Amino acid sequence: MTPLEIVLIIILIAVTLFLVYYFFRGSTGNLAISRPVESRVDEYLDRKFDQMIEEWSLVRKPQLQKFKDERNDLLDHDEERIQKLKEYEAEMKKNLTELEGRLDTLENTLEIKKSGKC
């Protein structure tokens, strides 16, 4: 082997090592050698989604399910109370319309009595 061949082999090894380093640089997850581009894209999307979740203060599905499981009874109780309040509201509206009708009748009779006495 000539010194030129040795230098070329060293340069080839250095370039190969640089490419391998560049490929794995910045990767935190599992990169699949059989599909490197897809695994890098998946890793990138996972990082971006995690950033969006943090930035927008979103909740992941497992956390939401845990919250629902812990608070399900309380939420059901609140829904029952809301339903009762809606029924109460409907009854009160009905009572108010009846009372307004009675008040109108009383006002009309009072006006008739005033106009008759004057």
PDB file of N, CA and C in Angstrom:
ATOM      1  N   MET A   1       0.837  -1.175   0.000  1.00  0.00           N
ATOM      2  CA  MET A   1       0.000   0.000   0.000  1.00  0.00           C
ATOM      3  C   MET A   1       0.880   1.236   0.000  1.00  0.00           C
ATOM      4  N   THR A   2       0.439   2.124  -0.793  1.00  0.00           N
ATOM      5  CA  THR A   2       1.195   3.372  -0.884  1.00  0.00           C
ATOM      6  C   THR A   2       0.653   4.357   0.146  1.00  0.00           C
ATOM      7  N   PRO A   3       1.431   5.346   0.449  1.00  0.00           N
ATOM      8  CA  PRO A   3       0.951   6.352   1.424  1.00  0.00           C
ATOM      9  C   PRO A   3      -0.311   7.068   0.932  1.00  0.00           C
ATOM     10  N   LEU A   4      -0.456   7.227  -0.368  1.00  0.00           N
ATOM     11  CA  LEU A   4      -1.650   7.874  -0.908  1.00  0.00           C
ATOM     12  C   LEU A   4      -2.897   7.025  -0.640  1.00  0.00           C
ATOM     13  N   GLU A   5      -2.786   5.706  -0.804  1.00  0.00           N
ATOM     14  CA  GLU A   5      -3.912   4.817  -0.527  1.00  0.00           C
ATOM     15  C   GLU A   5      -4.281   4.846   0.953  1.00  0.00           C
ATOM     16  N   ILE A   6      -3.290   4.902   1.813  1.00  0.00           N
ATOM     17  CA  ILE A   6      -3.540   4.959   3.255  1.00  0.00           C
ATOM     18  C   ILE A   6      -4.272   6.253   3.613  1.00  0.00           C
ATOM     19  N   VAL A   7      -3.845   7.365   3.020  1.00  0.00           N
ATOM     20  CA  VAL A   7      -4.491   8.651   3.286  1.00  0.00           C
ATOM     21  C   VAL A   7      -5.930   8.624   2.773  1.00  0.00           C
ATOM     22  N   LEU A   8      -6.156   8.047   1.596  1.00  0.00           N
ATOM     23  CA  LEU A   8      -7.511   7.956   1.056  1.00  0.00           C
ATOM     24  C   LEU A   8      -8.411   7.072   1.928  1.00  0.00           C
ATOM     25  N   ILE A   9      -7.884   5.978   2.427  1.00  0.00           N
ATOM     26  CA  ILE A   9      -8.661   5.105   3.317  1.00  0.00           C
ATOM     27  C   ILE A   9      -8.998   5.839   4.612  1.00  0.00           C
ATOM     28  N   ILE A  10      -8.050   6.582   5.156  1.00  0.00           N
ATOM     29  CA  ILE A  10      -8.295   7.354   6.386  1.00  0.00           C
ATOM     30  C   ILE A  10      -9.363   8.420   6.130  1.00  0.00           C
ATOM     31  N   ILE A  11      -9.271   9.086   4.975  1.00  0.00           N
ATOM     32  CA  ILE A  11     -10.279  10.102   4.641  1.00  0.00           C
ATOM     33  C   ILE A  11     -11.649   9.445   4.473  1.00  0.00           C
ATOM     34  N   LEU A  12     -11.696   8.286   3.813  1.00  0.00           N
ATOM     35  CA  LEU A  12     -12.958   7.568   3.632  1.00  0.00           C
ATOM     36  C   LEU A  12     -13.554   7.145   4.976  1.00  0.00           C
ATOM     37  N   ILE A  13     -12.726   6.654   5.871  1.00  0.00           N
ATOM     38  CA  ILE A  13     -13.201   6.278   7.210  1.00  0.00           C
ATOM     39  C   ILE A  13     -13.694   7.509   7.969  1.00  0.00           C
ATOM     40  N   ALA A  14     -12.959   8.616   7.850  1.00  0.00           N
ATOM     41  CA  ALA A  14     -13.362   9.849   8.537  1.00  0.00           C
ATOM     42  C   ALA A  14     -14.704  10.354   8.007  1.00  0.00           C
ATOM     43  N   VAL A  15     -14.883  10.308   6.692  1.00  0.00           N
ATOM     44  CA  VAL A  15     -16.152  10.749   6.107  1.00  0.00           C
ATOM     45  C   VAL A  15     -17.285   9.827   6.562  1.00  0.00           C
ATOM     46  N   THR A  16     -17.033   8.529   6.579  1.00  0.00           N
ATOM     47  CA  THR A  16     -18.045   7.575   7.030  1.00  0.00           C
ATOM     48  C   THR A  16     -18.415   7.824   8.492  1.00  0.00           C
ATOM     49  N   LEU A  17     -17.412   8.019   9.334  1.00  0.00           N
ATOM     50  CA  LEU A  17     -17.680   8.307  10.745  1.00  0.00           C
ATOM     51  C   LEU A  17     -18.446   9.617  10.908  1.00  0.00           C
ATOM     52  N   PHE A  18     -18.096  10.618  10.098  1.00  0.00           N
ATOM     53  CA  PHE A  18     -18.810  11.895  10.164  1.00  0.00           C
ATOM     54  C   PHE A  18     -20.272  11.716   9.773  1.00  0.00           C
ATOM     55  N   LEU A  19     -20.521  10.940   8.723  1.00  0.00           N
ATOM     56  CA  LEU A  19     -21.904  10.707   8.298  1.00  0.00           C
ATOM     57  C   LEU A  19     -22.698   9.941   9.355  1.00  0.00           C
ATOM     58  N   VAL A  20     -22.070   8.951   9.969  1.00  0.00           N
ATOM     59  CA  VAL A  20     -22.747   8.205  11.036  1.00  0.00           C
ATOM     60  C   VAL A  20     -23.012   9.126  12.226  1.00  0.00           C
ATOM     61  N   TYR A  21     -22.025   9.944  12.577  1.00  0.00           N
ATOM     62  CA  TYR A  21     -22.213  10.908  13.667  1.00  0.00           C
ATOM     63  C   TYR A  21     -23.336  11.880  13.329  1.00  0.00           C
ATOM     64  N   TYR A  22     -23.347  12.404  12.129  1.00  0.00           N
ATOM     65  CA  TYR A  22     -24.378  13.359  11.716  1.00  0.00           C
ATOM     66  C   TYR A  22     -25.758  12.712  11.730  1.00  0.00           C
ATOM     67  N   PHE A  23     -25.813  11.431  11.351  1.00  0.00           N
ATOM     68  CA  PHE A  23     -27.088  10.722  11.339  1.00  0.00           C
ATOM     69  C   PHE A  23     -27.646  10.571  12.753  1.00  0.00           C
ATOM     70  N   PHE A  24     -26.795  10.195  13.711  1.00  0.00           N
ATOM     71  CA  PHE A  24     -27.256   9.962  15.077  1.00  0.00           C
ATOM     72  C   PHE A  24     -27.226  11.211  15.945  1.00  0.00           C
ATOM     73  N   ARG A  25     -26.699  12.304  15.434  1.00  0.00           N
ATOM     74  CA  ARG A  25     -26.605  13.534  16.213  1.00  0.00           C
ATOM     75  C   ARG A  25     -28.003  14.071  16.498  1.00  0.00           C
ATOM     76  N   GLY A  26     -28.257  14.420  17.725  1.00  0.00           N
ATOM     77  CA  GLY A  26     -29.533  15.010  18.086  1.00  0.00           C
ATOM     78  C   GLY A  26     -30.664  14.019  18.235  1.00  0.00           C
ATOM     79  N   SER A  27     -30.395  12.753  18.062  1.00  0.00           N
ATOM     80  CA  SER A  27     -31.476  11.784  18.206  1.00  0.00           C
ATOM     81  C   SER A  27     -31.562  11.353  19.663  1.00  0.00           C
ATOM     82  N   THR A  28     -32.761  11.376  20.185  1.00  0.00           N
ATOM     83  CA  THR A  28     -32.950  10.960  21.565  1.00  0.00           C
ATOM     84  C   THR A  28     -33.730   9.658  21.641  1.00  0.00           C
ATOM     85  N   GLY A  29     -34.407   9.307  20.585  1.00  0.00           N
ATOM     86  CA  GLY A  29     -35.234   8.104  20.582  1.00  0.00           C
ATOM     87  C   GLY A  29     -34.533   6.955  19.894  1.00  0.00           C
ATOM     88  N   ASN A  30     -35.321   5.981  19.525  1.00  0.00           N
ATOM     89  CA  ASN A  30     -34.792   4.812  18.829  1.00  0.00           C
ATOM     90  C   ASN A  30     -34.840   5.055  17.334  1.00  0.00           C
ATOM     91  N   LEU A  31     -33.679   5.057  16.721  1.00  0.00           N
ATOM     92  CA  LEU A  31     -33.605   5.203  15.269  1.00  0.00           C
ATOM     93  C   LEU A  31     -33.477   3.822  14.652  1.00  0.00           C
ATOM     94  N   ALA A  32     -34.322   3.554  13.698  1.00  0.00           N
ATOM     95  CA  ALA A  32     -34.279   2.268  13.021  1.00  0.00           C
ATOM     96  C   ALA A  32     -33.327   2.367  11.842  1.00  0.00           C
ATOM     97  N   ILE A  33     -32.377   1.476  11.799  1.00  0.00           N
ATOM     98  CA  ILE A  33     -31.404   1.477  10.708  1.00  0.00           C
ATOM     99  C   ILE A  33     -32.091   1.096   9.401  1.00  0.00           C
ATOM    100  N   SER A  34     -33.123   0.252   9.472  1.00  0.00           N
ATOM    101  CA  SER A  34     -33.792  -0.186   8.248  1.00  0.00           C
ATOM    102  C   SER A  34     -34.617   0.932   7.615  1.00  0.00           C
ATOM    103  N   ARG A  35     -35.073   1.882   8.403  1.00  0.00           N
ATOM    104  CA  ARG A  35     -35.837   3.013   7.873  1.00  0.00           C
ATOM    105  C   ARG A  35     -35.414   4.291   8.595  1.00  0.00           C
ATOM    106  N   PRO A  36     -34.256   4.783   8.285  1.00  0.00           N
ATOM    107  CA  PRO A  36     -33.702   5.917   9.036  1.00  0.00           C
ATOM    108  C   PRO A  36     -34.470   7.216   8.846  1.00  0.00           C
ATOM    109  N   VAL A  37     -34.929   7.477   7.636  1.00  0.00           N
ATOM    110  CA  VAL A  37     -35.604   8.750   7.380  1.00  0.00           C
ATOM    111  C   VAL A  37     -36.937   8.798   8.124  1.00  0.00           C
ATOM    112  N   GLU A  38     -37.703   7.704   8.045  1.00  0.00           N
ATOM    113  CA  GLU A  38     -38.997   7.682   8.720  1.00  0.00           C
ATOM    114  C   GLU A  38     -38.841   7.806  10.226  1.00  0.00           C
ATOM    115  N   SER A  39     -37.821   7.142  10.774  1.00  0.00           N
ATOM    116  CA  SER A  39     -37.642   7.223  12.219  1.00  0.00           C
ATOM    117  C   SER A  39     -37.216   8.624  12.645  1.00  0.00           C
ATOM    118  N   ARG A  40     -36.421   9.310  11.824  1.00  0.00           N
ATOM    119  CA  ARG A  40     -36.053  10.699  12.142  1.00  0.00           C
ATOM    120  C   ARG A  40     -37.269  11.611  12.063  1.00  0.00           C
ATOM    121  N   VAL A  41     -38.109  11.396  11.047  1.00  0.00           N
ATOM    122  CA  VAL A  41     -39.323  12.208  10.923  1.00  0.00           C
ATOM    123  C   VAL A  41     -40.248  11.948  12.111  1.00  0.00           C
ATOM    124  N   ASP A  42     -40.409  10.676  12.489  1.00  0.00           N
ATOM    125  CA  ASP A  42     -41.242  10.345  13.648  1.00  0.00           C
ATOM    126  C   ASP A  42     -40.715  11.008  14.914  1.00  0.00           C
ATOM    127  N   GLU A  43     -39.403  10.966  15.079  1.00  0.00           N
ATOM    128  CA  GLU A  43     -38.792  11.589  16.252  1.00  0.00           C
ATOM    129  C   GLU A  43     -39.023  13.098  16.241  1.00  0.00           C
ATOM    130  N   TYR A  44     -38.873  13.708  15.077  1.00  0.00           N
ATOM    131  CA  TYR A  44     -39.092  15.150  14.953  1.00  0.00           C
ATOM    132  C   TYR A  44     -40.538  15.504  15.294  1.00  0.00           C
ATOM    133  N   LEU A  45     -41.484  14.737  14.745  1.00  0.00           N
ATOM    134  CA  LEU A  45     -42.894  15.005  15.021  1.00  0.00           C
ATOM    135  C   LEU A  45     -43.226  14.815  16.498  1.00  0.00           C
ATOM    136  N   ASP A  46     -42.641  13.785  17.111  1.00  0.00           N
ATOM    137  CA  ASP A  46     -42.875  13.583  18.541  1.00  0.00           C
ATOM    138  C   ASP A  46     -42.382  14.773  19.355  1.00  0.00           C
ATOM    139  N   ARG A  47     -41.202  15.285  19.011  1.00  0.00           N
ATOM    140  CA  ARG A  47     -40.671  16.455  19.728  1.00  0.00           C
ATOM    141  C   ARG A  47     -41.577  17.660  19.527  1.00  0.00           C
ATOM    142  N   LYS A  48     -42.022  17.881  18.291  1.00  0.00           N
ATOM    143  CA  LYS A  48     -42.885  19.032  18.015  1.00  0.00           C
ATOM    144  C   LYS A  48     -44.227  18.911  18.742  1.00  0.00           C
ATOM    145  N   PHE A  49     -44.808  17.707  18.760  1.00  0.00           N
ATOM    146  CA  PHE A  49     -46.073  17.525  19.466  1.00  0.00           C
ATOM    147  C   PHE A  49     -45.900  17.738  20.964  1.00  0.00           C
ATOM    148  N   ASP A  50     -44.787  17.260  21.518  1.00  0.00           N
ATOM    149  CA  ASP A  50     -44.528  17.503  22.936  1.00  0.00           C
ATOM    150  C   ASP A  50     -44.394  18.992  23.218  1.00  0.00           C
ATOM    151  N   GLN A  51     -43.731  19.715  22.321  1.00  0.00           N
ATOM    152  CA  GLN A  51     -43.607  21.163  22.495  1.00  0.00           C
ATOM    153  C   GLN A  51     -44.971  21.839  22.409  1.00  0.00           C
ATOM    154  N   MET A  52     -45.812  21.399  21.477  1.00  0.00           N
ATOM    155  CA  MET A  52     -47.150  21.990  21.349  1.00  0.00           C
ATOM    156  C   MET A  52     -47.988  21.715  22.589  1.00  0.00           C
ATOM    157  N   ILE A  53     -47.878  20.511  23.124  1.00  0.00           N
ATOM    158  CA  ILE A  53     -48.634  20.164  24.324  1.00  0.00           C
ATOM    159  C   ILE A  53     -48.206  21.051  25.482  1.00  0.00           C
ATOM    160  N   GLU A  54     -46.900  21.243  25.636  1.00  0.00           N
ATOM    161  CA  GLU A  54     -46.403  22.117  26.699  1.00  0.00           C
ATOM    162  C   GLU A  54     -46.804  23.564  26.453  1.00  0.00           C
ATOM    163  N   GLU A  55     -46.668  24.017  25.218  1.00  0.00           N
ATOM    164  CA  GLU A  55     -46.935  25.420  24.889  1.00  0.00           C
ATOM    165  C   GLU A  55     -48.408  25.768  25.063  1.00  0.00           C
ATOM    166  N   TRP A  56     -49.285  24.894  24.648  1.00  0.00           N
ATOM    167  CA  TRP A  56     -50.713  25.185  24.689  1.00  0.00           C
ATOM    168  C   TRP A  56     -51.377  24.651  25.953  1.00  0.00           C
ATOM    169  N   SER A  57     -50.604  24.050  26.835  1.00  0.00           N
ATOM    170  CA  SER A  57     -51.115  23.485  28.096  1.00  0.00           C
ATOM    171  C   SER A  57     -52.222  22.467  27.829  1.00  0.00           C
ATOM    172  N   LEU A  58     -51.968  21.568  26.911  1.00  0.00           N
ATOM    173  CA  LEU A  58     -52.938  20.530  26.575  1.00  0.00           C
ATOM    174  C   LEU A  58     -52.781  19.345  27.523  1.00  0.00           C
ATOM    175  N   VAL A  59     -53.773  18.471  27.521  1.00  0.00           N
ATOM    176  CA  VAL A  59     -53.747  17.292  28.375  1.00  0.00           C
ATOM    177  C   VAL A  59     -53.734  16.062  27.478  1.00  0.00           C
ATOM    178  N   ARG A  60     -52.897  15.125  27.830  1.00  0.00           N
ATOM    179  CA  ARG A  60     -52.847  13.882  27.061  1.00  0.00           C
ATOM    180  C   ARG A  60     -54.000  12.972  27.473  1.00  0.00           C
ATOM    181  N   LYS A  61     -54.337  12.029  26.594  1.00  0.00           N
ATOM    182  CA  LYS A  61     -55.477  11.149  26.844  1.00  0.00           C
ATOM    183  C   LYS A  61     -55.331  10.328  28.129  1.00  0.00           C
ATOM    184  N   PRO A  62     -54.166   9.744  28.425  1.00  0.00           N
ATOM    185  CA  PRO A  62     -54.069   8.990  29.689  1.00  0.00           C
ATOM    186  C   PRO A  62     -54.318   9.869  30.917  1.00  0.00           C
ATOM    187  N   GLN A  63     -53.825  11.098  30.881  1.00  0.00           N
ATOM    188  CA  GLN A  63     -54.062  11.998  32.008  1.00  0.00           C
ATOM    189  C   GLN A  63     -55.540  12.357  32.103  1.00  0.00           C
ATOM    190  N   LEU A  64     -56.176  12.556  30.965  1.00  0.00           N
ATOM    191  CA  LEU A  64     -57.605  12.868  30.956  1.00  0.00           C
ATOM    192  C   LEU A  64     -58.414  11.692  31.488  1.00  0.00           C
ATOM    193  N   GLN A  65     -58.056  10.482  31.069  1.00  0.00           N
ATOM    194  CA  GLN A  65     -58.771   9.300  31.547  1.00  0.00           C
ATOM    195  C   GLN A  65     -58.576   9.124  33.045  1.00  0.00           C
ATOM    196  N   LYS A  66     -57.368   9.366  33.533  1.00  0.00           N
ATOM    197  CA  LYS A  66     -57.099   9.272  34.971  1.00  0.00           C
ATOM    198  C   LYS A  66     -57.951  10.290  35.724  1.00  0.00           C
ATOM    199  N   PHE A  67     -58.025  11.510  35.201  1.00  0.00           N
ATOM    200  CA  PHE A  67     -58.855  12.543  35.826  1.00  0.00           C
ATOM    201  C   PHE A  67     -60.318  12.118  35.852  1.00  0.00           C
ATOM    202  N   LYS A  68     -60.801  11.581  34.725  1.00  0.00           N
ATOM    203  CA  LYS A  68     -62.199  11.140  34.665  1.00  0.00           C
ATOM    204  C   LYS A  68     -62.464  10.021  35.662  1.00  0.00           C
ATOM    205  N   ASP A  69     -61.520   9.064  35.758  1.00  0.00           N
ATOM    206  CA  ASP A  69     -61.706   7.959  36.689  1.00  0.00           C
ATOM    207  C   ASP A  69     -61.746   8.446  38.133  1.00  0.00           C
ATOM    208  N   GLU A  70     -60.865   9.394  38.459  1.00  0.00           N
ATOM    209  CA  GLU A  70     -60.810   9.897  39.829  1.00  0.00           C
ATOM    210  C   GLU A  70     -62.028  10.745  40.165  1.00  0.00           C
ATOM    211  N   ARG A  71     -62.498  11.521  39.216  1.00  0.00           N
ATOM    212  CA  ARG A  71     -63.545  12.497  39.500  1.00  0.00           C
ATOM    213  C   ARG A  71     -64.901  12.128  38.906  1.00  0.00           C
ATOM    214  N   ASN A  72     -65.055  10.897  38.452  1.00  0.00           N
ATOM    215  CA  ASN A  72     -66.286  10.510  37.765  1.00  0.00           C
ATOM    216  C   ASN A  72     -67.511  10.667  38.664  1.00  0.00           C
ATOM    217  N   ASP A  73     -67.405  10.215  39.924  1.00  0.00           N
ATOM    218  CA  ASP A  73     -68.548  10.326  40.835  1.00  0.00           C
ATOM    219  C   ASP A  73     -68.910  11.783  41.081  1.00  0.00           C
ATOM    220  N   LEU A  74     -67.896  12.601  41.283  1.00  0.00           N
ATOM    221  CA  LEU A  74     -68.137  14.023  41.519  1.00  0.00           C
ATOM    222  C   LEU A  74     -68.769  14.683  40.298  1.00  0.00           C
ATOM    223  N   LEU A  75     -68.273  14.313  39.112  1.00  0.00           N
ATOM    224  CA  LEU A  75     -68.841  14.873  37.887  1.00  0.00           C
ATOM    225  C   LEU A  75     -70.288  14.427  37.690  1.00  0.00           C
ATOM    226  N   ASP A  76     -70.571  13.164  37.992  1.00  0.00           N
ATOM    227  CA  ASP A  76     -71.953  12.686  37.882  1.00  0.00           C
ATOM    228  C   ASP A  76     -72.858  13.440  38.847  1.00  0.00           C
ATOM    229  N   HIS A  77     -72.366  13.649  40.072  1.00  0.00           N
ATOM    230  CA  HIS A  77     -73.144  14.394  41.069  1.00  0.00           C
ATOM    231  C   HIS A  77     -73.393  15.822  40.586  1.00  0.00           C
ATOM    232  N   ASP A  78     -72.372  16.440  40.001  1.00  0.00           N
ATOM    233  CA  ASP A  78     -72.540  17.800  39.474  1.00  0.00           C
ATOM    234  C   ASP A  78     -73.547  17.834  38.331  1.00  0.00           C
ATOM    235  N   GLU A  79     -73.524  16.830  37.471  1.00  0.00           N
ATOM    236  CA  GLU A  79     -74.488  16.780  36.371  1.00  0.00           C
ATOM    237  C   GLU A  79     -75.914  16.636  36.898  1.00  0.00           C
ATOM    238  N   GLU A  80     -76.079  15.842  37.969  1.00  0.00           N
ATOM    239  CA  GLU A  80     -77.404  15.707  38.576  1.00  0.00           C
ATOM    240  C   GLU A  80     -77.859  17.043  39.154  1.00  0.00           C
ATOM    241  N   ARG A  81     -76.947  17.743  39.805  1.00  0.00           N
ATOM    242  CA  ARG A  81     -77.293  19.046  40.371  1.00  0.00           C
ATOM    243  C   ARG A  81     -77.658  20.042  39.276  1.00  0.00           C
ATOM    244  N   ILE A  82     -76.942  19.996  38.173  1.00  0.00           N
ATOM    245  CA  ILE A  82     -77.255  20.892  37.053  1.00  0.00           C
ATOM    246  C   ILE A  82     -78.646  20.591  36.515  1.00  0.00           C
ATOM    247  N   GLN A  83     -78.970  19.317  36.398  1.00  0.00           N
ATOM    248  CA  GLN A  83     -80.302  18.935  35.913  1.00  0.00           C
ATOM    249  C   GLN A  83     -81.382  19.435  36.872  1.00  0.00           C
ATOM    250  N   LYS A  84     -81.145  19.286  38.183  1.00  0.00           N
ATOM    251  CA  LYS A  84     -82.124  19.778  39.158  1.00  0.00           C
ATOM    252  C   LYS A  84     -82.262  21.292  39.072  1.00  0.00           C
ATOM    253  N   LEU A  85     -81.142  21.983  38.886  1.00  0.00           N
ATOM    254  CA  LEU A  85     -81.201  23.439  38.763  1.00  0.00           C
ATOM    255  C   LEU A  85     -81.971  23.865  37.514  1.00  0.00           C
ATOM    256  N   LYS A  86     -81.816  23.129  36.433  1.00  0.00           N
ATOM    257  CA  LYS A  86     -82.573  23.449  35.220  1.00  0.00           C
ATOM    258  C   LYS A  86     -84.069  23.240  35.439  1.00  0.00           C
ATOM    259  N   GLU A  87     -84.416  22.170  36.154  1.00  0.00           N
ATOM    260  CA  GLU A  87     -85.827  21.944  36.467  1.00  0.00           C
ATOM    261  C   GLU A  87     -86.358  23.070  37.351  1.00  0.00           C
ATOM    262  N   TYR A  88     -85.570  23.470  38.335  1.00  0.00           N
ATOM    263  CA  TYR A  88     -85.963  24.563  39.222  1.00  0.00           C
ATOM    264  C   TYR A  88     -86.142  25.856  38.426  1.00  0.00           C
ATOM    265  N   GLU A  89     -85.227  26.094  37.486  1.00  0.00           N
ATOM    266  CA  GLU A  89     -85.327  27.295  36.647  1.00  0.00           C
ATOM    267  C   GLU A  89     -86.624  27.283  35.838  1.00  0.00           C
ATOM    268  N   ALA A  90     -86.960  26.132  35.275  1.00  0.00           N
ATOM    269  CA  ALA A  90     -88.194  26.032  34.486  1.00  0.00           C
ATOM    270  C   ALA A  90     -89.419  26.283  35.367  1.00  0.00           C
ATOM    271  N   GLU A  91     -89.423  25.713  36.576  1.00  0.00           N
ATOM    272  CA  GLU A  91     -90.541  25.940  37.491  1.00  0.00           C
ATOM    273  C   GLU A  91     -90.645  27.411  37.882  1.00  0.00           C
ATOM    274  N   MET A  92     -89.504  28.036  38.151  1.00  0.00           N
ATOM    275  CA  MET A  92     -89.519  29.445  38.544  1.00  0.00           C
ATOM    276  C   MET A  92     -90.004  30.330  37.398  1.00  0.00           C
ATOM    277  N   LYS A  93     -89.620  30.016  36.181  1.00  0.00           N
ATOM    278  CA  LYS A  93     -90.112  30.790  35.035  1.00  0.00           C
ATOM    279  C   LYS A  93     -91.628  30.664  34.918  1.00  0.00           C
ATOM    280  N   LYS A  94     -92.107  29.449  35.123  1.00  0.00           N
ATOM    281  CA  LYS A  94     -93.553  29.220  35.069  1.00  0.00           C
ATOM    282  C   LYS A  94     -94.249  30.023  36.168  1.00  0.00           C
ATOM    283  N   ASN A  95     -93.708  29.973  37.386  1.00  0.00           N
ATOM    284  CA  ASN A  95     -94.300  30.729  38.497  1.00  0.00           C
ATOM    285  C   ASN A  95     -94.255  32.229  38.229  1.00  0.00           C
ATOM    286  N   LEU A  96     -93.150  32.706  37.672  1.00  0.00           N
ATOM    287  CA  LEU A  96     -93.039  34.136  37.384  1.00  0.00           C
ATOM    288  C   LEU A  96     -94.062  34.582  36.342  1.00  0.00           C
ATOM    289  N   THR A  97     -94.267  33.776  35.318  1.00  0.00           N
ATOM    290  CA  THR A  97     -95.269  34.153  34.312  1.00  0.00           C
ATOM    291  C   THR A  97     -96.668  34.168  34.927  1.00  0.00           C
ATOM    292  N   GLU A  98     -96.950  33.200  35.810  1.00  0.00           N
ATOM    293  CA  GLU A  98     -98.250  33.197  36.489  1.00  0.00           C
ATOM    294  C   GLU A  98     -98.400  34.429  37.378  1.00  0.00           C
ATOM    295  N   LEU A  99     -97.333  34.753  38.124  1.00  0.00           N
ATOM    296  CA  LEU A  99     -97.394  35.927  39.000  1.00  0.00           C
ATOM    297  C   LEU A  99     -97.522  37.220  38.200  1.00  0.00           C
ATOM    298  N   GLU A 100     -96.841  37.297  37.066  1.00  0.00           N
ATOM    299  CA  GLU A 100     -96.971  38.488  36.219  1.00  0.00           C
ATOM    300  C   GLU A 100     -98.395  38.622  35.689  1.00  0.00           C
ATOM    301  N   GLY A 101     -98.997  37.513  35.336  1.00  0.00           N
ATOM    302  CA  GLY A 101    -100.387  37.529  34.876  1.00  0.00           C
ATOM    303  C   GLY A 101    -101.322  38.005  35.977  1.00  0.00           C
ATOM    304  N   ARG A 102    -101.105  37.492  37.180  1.00  0.00           N
ATOM    305  CA  ARG A 102    -101.941  37.916  38.305  1.00  0.00           C
ATOM    306  C   ARG A 102    -101.735  39.399  38.604  1.00  0.00           C
ATOM    307  N   LEU A 103    -100.463  39.857  38.523  1.00  0.00           N
ATOM    308  CA  LEU A 103    -100.173  41.268  38.765  1.00  0.00           C
ATOM    309  C   LEU A 103    -100.849  42.147  37.720  1.00  0.00           C
ATOM    310  N   ASP A 104    -100.794  41.723  36.472  1.00  0.00           N
ATOM    311  CA  ASP A 104    -101.466  42.486  35.409  1.00  0.00           C
ATOM    312  C   ASP A 104    -102.973  42.570  35.674  1.00  0.00           C
ATOM    313  N   THR A 105    -103.552  41.451  36.105  1.00  0.00           N
ATOM    314  CA  THR A 105    -104.982  41.446  36.411  1.00  0.00           C
ATOM    315  C   THR A 105    -105.297  42.407  37.552  1.00  0.00           C
ATOM    316  N   LEU A 106    -104.463  42.363  38.607  1.00  0.00           N
ATOM    317  CA  LEU A 106    -104.679  43.272  39.735  1.00  0.00           C
ATOM    318  C   LEU A 106    -104.518  44.732  39.317  1.00  0.00           C
ATOM    319  N   GLU A 107    -103.528  45.020  38.491  1.00  0.00           N
ATOM    320  CA  GLU A 107    -103.333  46.393  38.016  1.00  0.00           C
ATOM    321  C   GLU A 107    -104.529  46.852  37.188  1.00  0.00           C
ATOM    322  N   ASN A 108    -105.036  45.976  36.345  1.00  0.00           N
ATOM    323  CA  ASN A 108    -106.206  46.325  35.525  1.00  0.00           C
ATOM    324  C   ASN A 108    -107.429  46.599  36.401  1.00  0.00           C
ATOM    325  N   THR A 109    -107.647  45.754  37.389  1.00  0.00           N
ATOM    326  CA  THR A 109    -108.801  45.986  38.270  1.00  0.00           C
ATOM    327  C   THR A 109    -108.622  47.259  39.079  1.00  0.00           C
ATOM    328  N   LEU A 110    -107.383  47.549  39.484  1.00  0.00           N
ATOM    329  CA  LEU A 110    -107.112  48.783  40.220  1.00  0.00           C
ATOM    330  C   LEU A 110    -107.369  50.005  39.341  1.00  0.00           C
ATOM    331  N   GLU A 111    -106.982  49.941  38.085  1.00  0.00           N
ATOM    332  CA  GLU A 111    -107.225  51.052  37.157  1.00  0.00           C
ATOM    333  C   GLU A 111    -108.724  51.244  36.925  1.00  0.00           C
ATOM    334  N   ILE A 112    -109.433  50.141  36.823  1.00  0.00           N
ATOM    335  CA  ILE A 112    -110.886  50.232  36.618  1.00  0.00           C
ATOM    336  C   ILE A 112    -111.543  50.881  37.833  1.00  0.00           C
ATOM    337  N   LYS A 113    -111.098  50.488  39.020  1.00  0.00           N
ATOM    338  CA  LYS A 113    -111.668  51.072  40.237  1.00  0.00           C
ATOM    339  C   LYS A 113    -111.340  52.553  40.336  1.00  0.00           C
ATOM    340  N   LYS A 114    -110.100  52.935  39.979  1.00  0.00           N
ATOM    341  CA  LYS A 114    -109.709  54.347  40.026  1.00  0.00           C
ATOM    342  C   LYS A 114    -110.507  55.162  39.017  1.00  0.00           C
ATOM    343  N   SER A 115    -110.649  54.637  37.828  1.00  0.00           N
ATOM    344  CA  SER A 115    -111.386  55.383  36.794  1.00  0.00           C
ATOM    345  C   SER A 115    -112.874  55.467  37.139  1.00  0.00           C
ATOM    346  N   GLY A 116    -113.392  54.501  37.847  1.00  0.00           N
ATOM    347  CA  GLY A 116    -114.796  54.525  38.239  1.00  0.00           C
ATOM    348  C   GLY A 116    -115.049  55.485  39.387  1.00  0.00           C
ATOM    349  N   LYS A 117    -114.081  55.694  40.260  1.00  0.00           N
ATOM    350  CA  LYS A 117    -114.250  56.571  41.409  1.00  0.00           C
ATOM    351  C   LYS A 117    -113.995  58.019  41.055  1.00  0.00           C
ATOM    352  N   CYS A 118    -113.222  58.284  40.054  1.00  0.00           N
ATOM    353  CA  CYS A 118    -112.890  59.674  39.706  1.00  0.00           C
ATOM    354  C   CYS A 118    -114.013  60.324  39.065  1.00  0.00           C
TER     355      CYS A 118
END
